[in-house]
Amino acid sequence: MISTKNLGKRYGDVIAAEGVTLDIGKGEVVGLLGQNGAGKTTIMKMITGFLEPSSGSVSVDGLDVLERRIEVQRRIGYLPENAPLYPELLVQDYLLWMAALRGLPEEARPSAVREAARATGLQGHMLRPIGQLSKGYRQRVGIAQAILHKPPVLIFDEPTNGLDPLQIEAIRQLIRELGRESTVLLSTHILQEVEAVCDRVLVLIDGRLVADGPIASLLQSRVALLSVQRGAAGVAETLRRVTGVVDVERRGEDETQPGFEVWAARYEGETPPIPAIVRAATMAGWTVGAVHPERFSLQAAFQRLQREAAYKSAAAQEVKA
């Protein structure tokens, strides 16, 4: 549904985005994760056709955004970070007006507004001025205008920014429900947002895409942890002979099981060699407490990616020098 190839945007010498290549399929809920200033909004504006890229290409539903911008925008529901709301308008009047701007036939507008209001929980607020609503309900109005025309693609820029915890959970639940029928791309700098809502995460650092995949793969450390009874013989040597294992270290006492100690086996490839480790432990006659892949927290994974990006940037500067 959304595809970019080497997408970039420059403002003079300032790089807002560079070399961003991604593909988002139908029905995915994808989080674009990055700190403020990482380039998230720039990429979203290029995808929606509100900003022309300096390089690369972008398409939505098979249509080139530069060549067929209006057709693309008809297929998108877009909620910018600062929702385009008019505080003096009643919610109902605003949504009817947006339905007209979306090109819905006049006879279809009332039912479209009712459906959008029902989906976003606005039924009891339709005759209130938007300016009298809480920020959480103003966000709901912004989402309602984005889904009026039932677009196959929804793009939300920082949809929970500035909301209180109860409002955040309500918007997250709404996004999860919308993701059942539409492809959703949302940007956020909040790690918990990605874990709570998304199936897949794109990590953006300094305008460059540094990670793309399911959250589970991002959190995977390529280390298998083995808890064995203290005093087991030849653990390091045995684990190093397991196919795929490249390094072994003792982590210390297993705090969850007295009398056991934890060993870490670093491995190559995407799949942890758990069955092979279990077979090796069985043949060695060890008493095993647990075997499982090590997992990062999302915070730790993000920090690791930041360190790697900083290292690569420093190395590139040295080469240029």
C-alpha atoms as a PDB file:
ATOM      1  CA  MET A   1       0.000   0.000   0.000  1.00  0.00           C
ATOM      2  CA  ILE A   2       2.873   2.399   0.783  1.00  0.00           C
ATOM      3  CA  SER A   3       6.232   2.148  -0.975  1.00  0.00           C
ATOM      4  CA  THR A   4       9.234   4.467  -1.006  1.00  0.00           C
ATOM      5  CA  LYS A   5      12.603   4.073  -2.708  1.00  0.00           C
ATOM      6  CA  ASN A   6      15.639   6.113  -1.676  1.00  0.00           C
ATOM      7  CA  LEU A   7      13.321   8.867  -0.505  1.00  0.00           C
ATOM      8  CA  GLY A   8      15.108  12.005   0.608  1.00  0.00           C
ATOM      9  CA  LYS A   9      14.509  15.641   1.519  1.00  0.00           C
ATOM     10  CA  ARG A  10      17.094  18.381   1.872  1.00  0.00           C
ATOM     11  CA  TYR A  11      16.814  22.009   2.881  1.00  0.00           C
ATOM     12  CA  GLY A  12      20.070  23.433   1.574  1.00  0.00           C
ATOM     13  CA  ASP A  13      22.807  21.634   3.527  1.00  0.00           C
ATOM     14  CA  VAL A  14      20.357  20.282   6.078  1.00  0.00           C
ATOM     15  CA  ILE A  15      19.307  16.639   5.569  1.00  0.00           C
ATOM     16  CA  ALA A  16      15.759  15.999   6.834  1.00  0.00           C
ATOM     17  CA  ALA A  17      15.522  12.514   5.298  1.00  0.00           C
ATOM     18  CA  GLU A  18      17.894  10.425   3.206  1.00  0.00           C
ATOM     19  CA  GLY A  19      17.749   7.084   1.419  1.00  0.00           C
ATOM     20  CA  VAL A  20      14.489   5.926   3.027  1.00  0.00           C
ATOM     21  CA  THR A  21      13.277   2.734   1.361  1.00  0.00           C
ATOM     22  CA  LEU A  22      10.286   0.893   2.775  1.00  0.00           C
ATOM     23  CA  ASP A  23       7.244  -1.177   1.835  1.00  0.00           C
ATOM     24  CA  ILE A  24       4.099  -1.336   3.956  1.00  0.00           C
ATOM     25  CA  GLY A  25       1.524  -3.937   2.987  1.00  0.00           C
ATOM     26  CA  LYS A  26      -2.248  -3.990   3.220  1.00  0.00           C
ATOM     27  CA  GLY A  27      -3.612  -4.323   6.749  1.00  0.00           C
ATOM     28  CA  GLU A  28      -0.361  -3.562   8.585  1.00  0.00           C
ATOM     29  CA  VAL A  29      -0.199  -1.235  11.592  1.00  0.00           C
ATOM     30  CA  VAL A  30       3.287   0.240  11.441  1.00  0.00           C
ATOM     31  CA  GLY A  31       5.006   2.629  13.817  1.00  0.00           C
ATOM     32  CA  LEU A  32       7.550   5.186  12.614  1.00  0.00           C
ATOM     33  CA  LEU A  33       9.697   5.608  15.716  1.00  0.00           C
ATOM     34  CA  GLY A  34      12.246   8.335  16.276  1.00  0.00           C
ATOM     35  CA  GLN A  35      13.175  11.222  18.507  1.00  0.00           C
ATOM     36  CA  ASN A  36      11.867  14.706  17.832  1.00  0.00           C
ATOM     37  CA  GLY A  37      13.639  16.017  14.741  1.00  0.00           C
ATOM     38  CA  ALA A  38      14.408  12.537  13.355  1.00  0.00           C
ATOM     39  CA  GLY A  39      12.454  13.232  10.150  1.00  0.00           C
ATOM     40  CA  LYS A  40       9.168  11.439  10.869  1.00  0.00           C
ATOM     41  CA  THR A  41       6.879  14.316   9.906  1.00  0.00           C
ATOM     42  CA  THR A  42       8.942  15.046   6.784  1.00  0.00           C
ATOM     43  CA  ILE A  43       8.512  11.480   5.559  1.00  0.00           C
ATOM     44  CA  MET A  44       4.789  11.504   6.279  1.00  0.00           C
ATOM     45  CA  LYS A  45       4.324  14.755   4.389  1.00  0.00           C
ATOM     46  CA  MET A  46       6.133  13.314   1.382  1.00  0.00           C
ATOM     47  CA  ILE A  47       3.988  10.161   1.481  1.00  0.00           C
ATOM     48  CA  THR A  48       0.790  12.209   1.632  1.00  0.00           C
ATOM     49  CA  GLY A  49       1.870  14.554  -1.159  1.00  0.00           C
ATOM     50  CA  PHE A  50       2.077  17.695   0.959  1.00  0.00           C
ATOM     51  CA  LEU A  51       5.846  17.930   0.523  1.00  0.00           C
ATOM     52  CA  GLU A  52       7.843  17.212  -2.619  1.00  0.00           C
ATOM     53  CA  PRO A  53      10.904  14.995  -2.124  1.00  0.00           C
ATOM     54  CA  SER A  54      14.373  16.108  -3.160  1.00  0.00           C
ATOM     55  CA  SER A  55      15.203  12.584  -4.307  1.00  0.00           C
ATOM     56  CA  GLY A  56      13.701   9.137  -4.657  1.00  0.00           C
ATOM     57  CA  SER A  57      10.120   8.048  -5.256  1.00  0.00           C
ATOM     58  CA  VAL A  58       6.980   7.314  -3.249  1.00  0.00           C
ATOM     59  CA  SER A  59       3.756   5.533  -4.174  1.00  0.00           C
ATOM     60  CA  VAL A  60       0.498   4.719  -2.398  1.00  0.00           C
ATOM     61  CA  ASP A  61      -1.803   1.918  -3.552  1.00  0.00           C
ATOM     62  CA  GLY A  62       0.340   1.600  -6.678  1.00  0.00           C
ATOM     63  CA  LEU A  63       0.006   5.290  -7.627  1.00  0.00           C
ATOM     64  CA  ASP A  64       3.007   7.604  -7.881  1.00  0.00           C
ATOM     65  CA  VAL A  65       2.462  10.453  -5.425  1.00  0.00           C
ATOM     66  CA  LEU A  66       4.205  13.085  -7.553  1.00  0.00           C
ATOM     67  CA  GLU A  67       2.356  12.188 -10.739  1.00  0.00           C
ATOM     68  CA  ARG A  68      -1.104  11.462  -9.303  1.00  0.00           C
ATOM     69  CA  ARG A  69      -1.187  13.395  -6.063  1.00  0.00           C
ATOM     70  CA  ILE A  70      -4.943  14.078  -5.898  1.00  0.00           C
ATOM     71  CA  GLU A  71      -5.827  10.443  -6.592  1.00  0.00           C
ATOM     72  CA  VAL A  72      -3.393   9.374  -3.889  1.00  0.00           C
ATOM     73  CA  GLN A  73      -4.821  11.828  -1.368  1.00  0.00           C
ATOM     74  CA  ARG A  74      -8.310  10.455  -1.996  1.00  0.00           C
ATOM     75  CA  ARG A  75      -7.007   7.116  -0.741  1.00  0.00           C
ATOM     76  CA  ILE A  76      -5.454   8.539   2.433  1.00  0.00           C
ATOM     77  CA  GLY A  77      -6.854   9.630   5.759  1.00  0.00           C
ATOM     78  CA  TYR A  78      -4.322  12.012   7.290  1.00  0.00           C
ATOM     79  CA  LEU A  79      -4.088  13.378  10.819  1.00  0.00           C
ATOM     80  CA  PRO A  80      -1.210  15.880  11.046  1.00  0.00           C
ATOM     81  CA  GLU A  81       0.424  16.569  14.396  1.00  0.00           C
ATOM     82  CA  ASN A  82      -1.607  19.764  14.715  1.00  0.00           C
ATOM     83  CA  ALA A  83      -5.068  18.684  13.597  1.00  0.00           C
ATOM     84  CA  PRO A  84      -6.783  21.152  11.203  1.00  0.00           C
ATOM     85  CA  LEU A  85      -9.694  22.019  13.495  1.00  0.00           C
ATOM     86  CA  TYR A  86     -11.836  25.149  13.754  1.00  0.00           C
ATOM     87  CA  PRO A  87     -12.766  25.790  17.403  1.00  0.00           C
ATOM     88  CA  GLU A  88     -15.864  27.881  16.621  1.00  0.00           C
ATOM     89  CA  LEU A  89     -17.531  25.131  14.553  1.00  0.00           C
ATOM     90  CA  LEU A  90     -19.813  22.479  15.978  1.00  0.00           C
ATOM     91  CA  VAL A  91     -18.369  18.982  15.636  1.00  0.00           C
ATOM     92  CA  GLN A  92     -21.227  17.975  13.363  1.00  0.00           C
ATOM     93  CA  ASP A  93     -20.857  21.003  11.091  1.00  0.00           C
ATOM     94  CA  TYR A  94     -17.098  20.520  10.846  1.00  0.00           C
ATOM     95  CA  LEU A  95     -17.420  16.879   9.858  1.00  0.00           C
ATOM     96  CA  LEU A  96     -20.135  17.625   7.303  1.00  0.00           C
ATOM     97  CA  TRP A  97     -17.914  20.301   5.807  1.00  0.00           C
ATOM     98  CA  MET A  98     -14.962  17.889   5.695  1.00  0.00           C
ATOM     99  CA  ALA A  99     -17.168  15.284   4.018  1.00  0.00           C
ATOM    100  CA  ALA A 100     -17.979  17.838   1.323  1.00  0.00           C
ATOM    101  CA  LEU A 101     -14.282  18.644   0.876  1.00  0.00           C
ATOM    102  CA  ARG A 102     -13.592  14.928   0.577  1.00  0.00           C
ATOM    103  CA  GLY A 103     -15.953  14.843  -2.372  1.00  0.00           C
ATOM    104  CA  LEU A 104     -18.642  12.672  -0.811  1.00  0.00           C
ATOM    105  CA  PRO A 105     -22.048  13.039  -2.522  1.00  0.00           C
ATOM    106  CA  GLU A 106     -24.390  15.296  -0.536  1.00  0.00           C
ATOM    107  CA  GLU A 107     -26.842  12.502   0.208  1.00  0.00           C
ATOM    108  CA  ALA A 108     -24.053  10.290   1.588  1.00  0.00           C
ATOM    109  CA  ARG A 109     -22.537  12.857   3.960  1.00  0.00           C
ATOM    110  CA  PRO A 110     -24.883  12.497   6.985  1.00  0.00           C
ATOM    111  CA  SER A 111     -24.435   8.717   7.144  1.00  0.00           C
ATOM    112  CA  ALA A 112     -20.653   9.041   6.684  1.00  0.00           C
ATOM    113  CA  VAL A 113     -20.520  11.530   9.559  1.00  0.00           C
ATOM    114  CA  ARG A 114     -22.629   9.256  11.780  1.00  0.00           C
ATOM    115  CA  GLU A 115     -20.356   6.282  11.073  1.00  0.00           C
ATOM    116  CA  ALA A 116     -17.200   8.288  11.767  1.00  0.00           C
ATOM    117  CA  ALA A 117     -18.714   9.662  14.988  1.00  0.00           C
ATOM    118  CA  ARG A 118     -19.674   6.178  16.128  1.00  0.00           C
ATOM    119  CA  ALA A 119     -16.208   4.800  15.352  1.00  0.00           C
ATOM    120  CA  THR A 120     -14.506   7.583  17.322  1.00  0.00           C
ATOM    121  CA  GLY A 121     -16.984   7.806  20.223  1.00  0.00           C
ATOM    122  CA  LEU A 122     -18.176  11.319  19.377  1.00  0.00           C
ATOM    123  CA  GLN A 123     -21.945  10.654  19.305  1.00  0.00           C
ATOM    124  CA  GLY A 124     -22.613  12.648  22.465  1.00  0.00           C
ATOM    125  CA  HIS A 125     -20.509  15.630  21.378  1.00  0.00           C
ATOM    126  CA  MET A 126     -21.791  16.388  17.883  1.00  0.00           C
ATOM    127  CA  LEU A 127     -23.557  19.632  18.839  1.00  0.00           C
ATOM    128  CA  ARG A 128     -20.692  21.037  20.909  1.00  0.00           C
ATOM    129  CA  PRO A 129     -18.203  23.599  19.583  1.00  0.00           C
ATOM    130  CA  ILE A 130     -14.835  21.969  18.938  1.00  0.00           C
ATOM    131  CA  GLY A 131     -13.125  24.594  21.096  1.00  0.00           C
ATOM    132  CA  GLN A 132     -15.044  23.358  24.155  1.00  0.00           C
ATOM    133  CA  LEU A 133     -13.787  19.787  23.842  1.00  0.00           C
ATOM    134  CA  SER A 134     -10.886  18.297  25.777  1.00  0.00           C
ATOM    135  CA  LYS A 135      -7.688  17.682  23.835  1.00  0.00           C
ATOM    136  CA  GLY A 136      -8.448  13.971  23.752  1.00  0.00           C
ATOM    137  CA  TYR A 137     -11.814  14.566  22.104  1.00  0.00           C
ATOM    138  CA  ARG A 138     -10.303  17.091  19.709  1.00  0.00           C
ATOM    139  CA  GLN A 139      -7.930  14.313  18.619  1.00  0.00           C
ATOM    140  CA  ARG A 140     -10.979  12.104  18.078  1.00  0.00           C
ATOM    141  CA  VAL A 141     -12.475  14.791  15.844  1.00  0.00           C
ATOM    142  CA  GLY A 142      -9.210  14.873  13.883  1.00  0.00           C
ATOM    143  CA  ILE A 143      -9.329  11.110  13.453  1.00  0.00           C
ATOM    144  CA  ALA A 144     -13.011  11.252  12.488  1.00  0.00           C
ATOM    145  CA  GLN A 145     -12.268  13.656   9.627  1.00  0.00           C
ATOM    146  CA  ALA A 146      -9.515  11.297   8.463  1.00  0.00           C
ATOM    147  CA  ILE A 147     -11.810   8.256   8.222  1.00  0.00           C
ATOM    148  CA  LEU A 148     -14.950   9.900   6.781  1.00  0.00           C
ATOM    149  CA  HIS A 149     -14.304   8.619   3.259  1.00  0.00           C
ATOM    150  CA  LYS A 150     -13.223   5.133   4.441  1.00  0.00           C
ATOM    151  CA  PRO A 151      -9.692   5.359   3.013  1.00  0.00           C
ATOM    152  CA  PRO A 152      -7.565   2.218   2.676  1.00  0.00           C
ATOM    153  CA  VAL A 153      -4.554   4.067   4.170  1.00  0.00           C
ATOM    154  CA  LEU A 154      -4.467   6.033   7.433  1.00  0.00           C
ATOM    155  CA  ILE A 155      -1.493   8.205   8.408  1.00  0.00           C
ATOM    156  CA  PHE A 156      -1.352   9.657  11.913  1.00  0.00           C
ATOM    157  CA  ASP A 157       1.430  12.011  13.038  1.00  0.00           C
ATOM    158  CA  GLU A 158       2.002  11.797  16.833  1.00  0.00           C
ATOM    159  CA  PRO A 159      -1.690  10.966  17.506  1.00  0.00           C
ATOM    160  CA  THR A 160      -1.359  10.860  21.320  1.00  0.00           C
ATOM    161  CA  ASN A 161       1.023  13.778  21.810  1.00  0.00           C
ATOM    162  CA  GLY A 162       0.025  15.889  24.833  1.00  0.00           C
ATOM    163  CA  LEU A 163      -2.796  13.629  26.034  1.00  0.00           C
ATOM    164  CA  ASP A 164      -3.269  12.330  29.569  1.00  0.00           C
ATOM    165  CA  PRO A 165      -2.894   8.579  30.295  1.00  0.00           C
ATOM    166  CA  LEU A 166      -6.615   7.786  29.996  1.00  0.00           C
ATOM    167  CA  GLN A 167      -6.908   9.722  26.722  1.00  0.00           C
ATOM    168  CA  ILE A 168      -3.781   7.987  25.379  1.00  0.00           C
ATOM    169  CA  GLU A 169      -5.224   4.528  26.049  1.00  0.00           C
ATOM    170  CA  ALA A 170      -8.532   5.489  24.407  1.00  0.00           C
ATOM    171  CA  ILE A 171      -6.776   6.732  21.238  1.00  0.00           C
ATOM    172  CA  ARG A 172      -4.540   3.665  21.128  1.00  0.00           C
ATOM    173  CA  GLN A 173      -7.571   1.387  21.339  1.00  0.00           C
ATOM    174  CA  LEU A 174      -9.239   3.368  18.561  1.00  0.00           C
ATOM    175  CA  ILE A 175      -6.155   3.010  16.329  1.00  0.00           C
ATOM    176  CA  ARG A 176      -6.057  -0.746  16.971  1.00  0.00           C
ATOM    177  CA  GLU A 177      -9.684  -0.999  15.873  1.00  0.00           C
ATOM    178  CA  LEU A 178      -9.089   1.107  12.748  1.00  0.00           C
ATOM    179  CA  GLY A 179      -6.165  -1.145  11.884  1.00  0.00           C
ATOM    180  CA  ARG A 180      -8.556  -4.050  11.336  1.00  0.00           C
ATOM    181  CA  GLU A 181      -9.813  -2.487   8.112  1.00  0.00           C
ATOM    182  CA  SER A 182      -7.080  -0.065   6.995  1.00  0.00           C
ATOM    183  CA  THR A 183      -3.324   0.119   6.625  1.00  0.00           C
ATOM    184  CA  VAL A 184      -2.082   2.410   9.391  1.00  0.00           C
ATOM    185  CA  LEU A 185       1.206   4.311   9.587  1.00  0.00           C
ATOM    186  CA  LEU A 186       1.693   6.341  12.744  1.00  0.00           C
ATOM    187  CA  SER A 187       4.674   8.317  13.946  1.00  0.00           C
ATOM    188  CA  THR A 188       5.714   8.582  17.563  1.00  0.00           C
ATOM    189  CA  HIS A 189       8.689   9.241  19.799  1.00  0.00           C
ATOM    190  CA  ILE A 190       7.078   7.205  22.586  1.00  0.00           C
ATOM    191  CA  LEU A 191       8.455   3.676  22.809  1.00  0.00           C
ATOM    192  CA  GLN A 192       5.423   2.296  24.658  1.00  0.00           C
ATOM    193  CA  GLU A 193       3.185   3.519  21.849  1.00  0.00           C
ATOM    194  CA  VAL A 194       4.839   1.188  19.370  1.00  0.00           C
ATOM    195  CA  GLU A 195       4.604  -1.786  21.716  1.00  0.00           C
ATOM    196  CA  ALA A 196       0.951  -1.065  22.494  1.00  0.00           C
ATOM    197  CA  VAL A 197      -0.353  -0.478  18.969  1.00  0.00           C
ATOM    198  CA  CYS A 198       1.961  -1.648  16.191  1.00  0.00           C
ATOM    199  CA  ASP A 199       2.775  -4.939  14.504  1.00  0.00           C
ATOM    200  CA  ARG A 200       5.969  -3.594  12.988  1.00  0.00           C
ATOM    201  CA  VAL A 201       8.372  -0.751  13.708  1.00  0.00           C
ATOM    202  CA  LEU A 202      10.487   1.499  11.488  1.00  0.00           C
ATOM    203  CA  VAL A 203      13.249   3.233  13.449  1.00  0.00           C
ATOM    204  CA  LEU A 204      14.405   6.592  12.129  1.00  0.00           C
ATOM    205  CA  ILE A 205      17.584   8.313  13.354  1.00  0.00           C
ATOM    206  CA  ASP A 206      18.810  11.582  11.835  1.00  0.00           C
ATOM    207  CA  GLY A 207      16.598  11.143   8.773  1.00  0.00           C
ATOM    208  CA  ARG A 208      17.820   7.618   8.009  1.00  0.00           C
ATOM    209  CA  LEU A 209      15.960   4.347   8.414  1.00  0.00           C
ATOM    210  CA  VAL A 210      18.126   2.173  10.676  1.00  0.00           C
ATOM    211  CA  ALA A 211      15.725  -0.694  11.483  1.00  0.00           C
ATOM    212  CA  ASP A 212      12.617  -2.181   9.919  1.00  0.00           C
ATOM    213  CA  GLY A 213      10.810  -5.275  11.108  1.00  0.00           C
ATOM    214  CA  PRO A 214       8.465  -6.888  13.618  1.00  0.00           C
ATOM    215  CA  ILE A 215       8.900  -5.617  17.154  1.00  0.00           C
ATOM    216  CA  ALA A 216       9.918  -9.125  18.276  1.00  0.00           C
ATOM    217  CA  SER A 217      12.894  -9.132  15.884  1.00  0.00           C
ATOM    218  CA  LEU A 218      14.004  -5.687  17.056  1.00  0.00           C
ATOM    219  CA  LEU A 219      13.991  -6.873  20.665  1.00  0.00           C
ATOM    220  CA  GLN A 220      15.907 -10.050  19.861  1.00  0.00           C
ATOM    221  CA  SER A 221      19.533  -9.851  21.006  1.00  0.00           C
ATOM    222  CA  ARG A 222      20.852 -12.988  19.185  1.00  0.00           C
ATOM    223  CA  VAL A 223      21.758 -14.456  22.553  1.00  0.00           C
ATOM    224  CA  ALA A 224      20.323 -17.672  23.976  1.00  0.00           C
ATOM    225  CA  LEU A 225      20.323 -17.979  27.769  1.00  0.00           C
ATOM    226  CA  LEU A 226      20.847 -21.358  29.434  1.00  0.00           C
ATOM    227  CA  SER A 227      20.270 -21.908  33.140  1.00  0.00           C
ATOM    228  CA  VAL A 228      22.077 -25.039  34.410  1.00  0.00           C
ATOM    229  CA  GLN A 229      22.761 -26.450  37.864  1.00  0.00           C
ATOM    230  CA  ARG A 230      25.927 -25.017  39.377  1.00  0.00           C
ATOM    231  CA  GLY A 231      28.968 -27.199  38.806  1.00  0.00           C
ATOM    232  CA  ALA A 232      27.938 -28.582  35.411  1.00  0.00           C
ATOM    233  CA  ALA A 233      31.094 -29.660  33.594  1.00  0.00           C
ATOM    234  CA  GLY A 234      32.351 -28.204  30.317  1.00  0.00           C
ATOM    235  CA  VAL A 235      29.489 -25.798  29.683  1.00  0.00           C
ATOM    236  CA  ALA A 236      31.454 -23.233  27.683  1.00  0.00           C
ATOM    237  CA  GLU A 237      33.252 -25.811  25.556  1.00  0.00           C
ATOM    238  CA  THR A 238      30.051 -27.766  24.844  1.00  0.00           C
ATOM    239  CA  LEU A 239      28.048 -24.682  23.864  1.00  0.00           C
ATOM    240  CA  ARG A 240      30.776 -23.430  21.537  1.00  0.00           C
ATOM    241  CA  ARG A 241      30.448 -26.663  19.562  1.00  0.00           C
ATOM    242  CA  VAL A 242      26.746 -26.026  18.884  1.00  0.00           C
ATOM    243  CA  THR A 243      26.194 -25.051  15.256  1.00  0.00           C
ATOM    244  CA  GLY A 244      25.598 -21.313  14.972  1.00  0.00           C
ATOM    245  CA  VAL A 245      27.044 -20.377  18.366  1.00  0.00           C
ATOM    246  CA  VAL A 246      29.913 -17.892  18.014  1.00  0.00           C
ATOM    247  CA  ASP A 247      30.645 -16.923  21.631  1.00  0.00           C
ATOM    248  CA  VAL A 248      29.814 -18.079  25.170  1.00  0.00           C
ATOM    249  CA  GLU A 249      30.035 -16.311  28.508  1.00  0.00           C
ATOM    250  CA  ARG A 250      28.958 -17.019  32.083  1.00  0.00           C
ATOM    251  CA  ARG A 251      26.444 -14.433  33.321  1.00  0.00           C
ATOM    252  CA  GLY A 252      26.486 -15.461  36.990  1.00  0.00           C
ATOM    253  CA  GLU A 253      23.959 -16.872  39.433  1.00  0.00           C
ATOM    254  CA  ASP A 254      20.373 -17.430  38.311  1.00  0.00           C
ATOM    255  CA  GLU A 255      18.445 -15.131  40.648  1.00  0.00           C
ATOM    256  CA  THR A 256      15.198 -16.984  39.955  1.00  0.00           C
ATOM    257  CA  GLN A 257      16.544 -20.474  40.730  1.00  0.00           C
ATOM    258  CA  PRO A 258      18.945 -20.998  43.656  1.00  0.00           C
ATOM    259  CA  GLY A 259      21.760 -23.355  42.828  1.00  0.00           C
ATOM    260  CA  PHE A 260      21.679 -22.594  39.096  1.00  0.00           C
ATOM    261  CA  GLU A 261      23.861 -20.352  36.960  1.00  0.00           C
ATOM    262  CA  VAL A 262      23.196 -18.597  33.655  1.00  0.00           C
ATOM    263  CA  TRP A 263      25.266 -18.975  30.505  1.00  0.00           C
ATOM    264  CA  ALA A 264      24.856 -16.774  27.420  1.00  0.00           C
ATOM    265  CA  ALA A 265      25.436 -18.244  23.957  1.00  0.00           C
ATOM    266  CA  ARG A 266      25.692 -15.633  21.211  1.00  0.00           C
ATOM    267  CA  TYR A 267      24.623 -16.995  17.828  1.00  0.00           C
ATOM    268  CA  GLU A 268      24.555 -16.071  14.145  1.00  0.00           C
ATOM    269  CA  GLY A 269      21.407 -15.825  12.049  1.00  0.00           C
ATOM    270  CA  GLU A 270      17.821 -14.988  12.877  1.00  0.00           C
ATOM    271  CA  THR A 271      16.744 -18.213  14.624  1.00  0.00           C
ATOM    272  CA  PRO A 272      18.083 -19.042  18.100  1.00  0.00           C
ATOM    273  CA  PRO A 273      19.552 -22.581  18.224  1.00  0.00           C
ATOM    274  CA  ILE A 274      17.421 -23.564  21.219  1.00  0.00           C
ATOM    275  CA  PRO A 275      16.761 -27.209  20.128  1.00  0.00           C
ATOM    276  CA  ALA A 276      20.480 -27.789  19.494  1.00  0.00           C
ATOM    277  CA  ILE A 277      21.382 -26.343  22.903  1.00  0.00           C
ATOM    278  CA  VAL A 278      18.807 -28.575  24.602  1.00  0.00           C
ATOM    279  CA  ARG A 279      20.216 -31.650  22.819  1.00  0.00           C
ATOM    280  CA  ALA A 280      23.764 -30.719  23.841  1.00  0.00           C
ATOM    281  CA  ALA A 281      22.684 -30.219  27.467  1.00  0.00           C
ATOM    282  CA  THR A 282      20.847 -33.560  27.507  1.00  0.00           C
ATOM    283  CA  MET A 283      23.824 -35.433  26.070  1.00  0.00           C
ATOM    284  CA  ALA A 284      26.121 -33.772  28.619  1.00  0.00           C
ATOM    285  CA  GLY A 285      23.815 -34.833  31.453  1.00  0.00           C
ATOM    286  CA  TRP A 286      23.280 -31.344  32.850  1.00  0.00           C
ATOM    287  CA  THR A 287      20.294 -30.421  35.007  1.00  0.00           C
ATOM    288  CA  VAL A 288      18.666 -27.582  33.055  1.00  0.00           C
ATOM    289  CA  GLY A 289      16.461 -24.933  34.647  1.00  0.00           C
ATOM    290  CA  ALA A 290      15.546 -22.998  31.503  1.00  0.00           C
ATOM    291  CA  VAL A 291      16.612 -22.236  27.937  1.00  0.00           C
ATOM    292  CA  HIS A 292      15.260 -19.188  26.127  1.00  0.00           C
ATOM    293  CA  PRO A 293      16.248 -16.300  23.829  1.00  0.00           C
ATOM    294  CA  GLU A 294      17.366 -13.118  25.537  1.00  0.00           C
ATOM    295  CA  ARG A 295      15.143 -10.141  24.791  1.00  0.00           C
ATOM    296  CA  PHE A 296      15.937  -6.434  24.972  1.00  0.00           C
ATOM    297  CA  SER A 297      13.482  -3.915  26.241  1.00  0.00           C
ATOM    298  CA  LEU A 298      12.396  -1.573  23.450  1.00  0.00           C
ATOM    299  CA  GLN A 299      14.264   1.218  25.241  1.00  0.00           C
ATOM    300  CA  ALA A 300      17.486  -0.812  25.217  1.00  0.00           C
ATOM    301  CA  ALA A 301      17.019  -1.782  21.557  1.00  0.00           C
ATOM    302  CA  PHE A 302      16.488   1.857  20.572  1.00  0.00           C
ATOM    303  CA  GLN A 303      19.575   2.954  22.501  1.00  0.00           C
ATOM    304  CA  ARG A 304      21.614   0.220  20.796  1.00  0.00           C
ATOM    305  CA  LEU A 305      20.484   1.442  17.371  1.00  0.00           C
ATOM    306  CA  GLN A 306      21.393   5.009  18.329  1.00  0.00           C
ATOM    307  CA  ARG A 307      24.904   3.914  19.360  1.00  0.00           C
ATOM    308  CA  GLU A 308      25.350   1.968  16.121  1.00  0.00           C
ATOM    309  CA  ALA A 309      24.143   4.935  14.042  1.00  0.00           C
ATOM    310  CA  ALA A 310      26.515   7.294  15.885  1.00  0.00           C
ATOM    311  CA  TYR A 311      29.418   4.886  15.346  1.00  0.00           C
ATOM    312  CA  LYS A 312      28.696   4.578  11.602  1.00  0.00           C
ATOM    313  CA  SER A 313      28.377   8.356  11.274  1.00  0.00           C
ATOM    314  CA  ALA A 314      31.701   8.903  13.060  1.00  0.00           C
ATOM    315  CA  ALA A 315      33.380   6.274  10.887  1.00  0.00           C
ATOM    316  CA  ALA A 316      32.049   7.923   7.732  1.00  0.00           C
ATOM    317  CA  GLN A 317      33.382  11.299   8.874  1.00  0.00           C
ATOM    318  CA  GLU A 318      36.825   9.772   9.449  1.00  0.00           C
ATOM    319  CA  VAL A 319      36.825   8.303   5.931  1.00  0.00           C
ATOM    320  CA  LYS A 320      35.945  11.703   4.448  1.00  0.00           C
ATOM    321  CA  ALA A 321      38.698  13.334   6.470  1.00  0.00           C
END
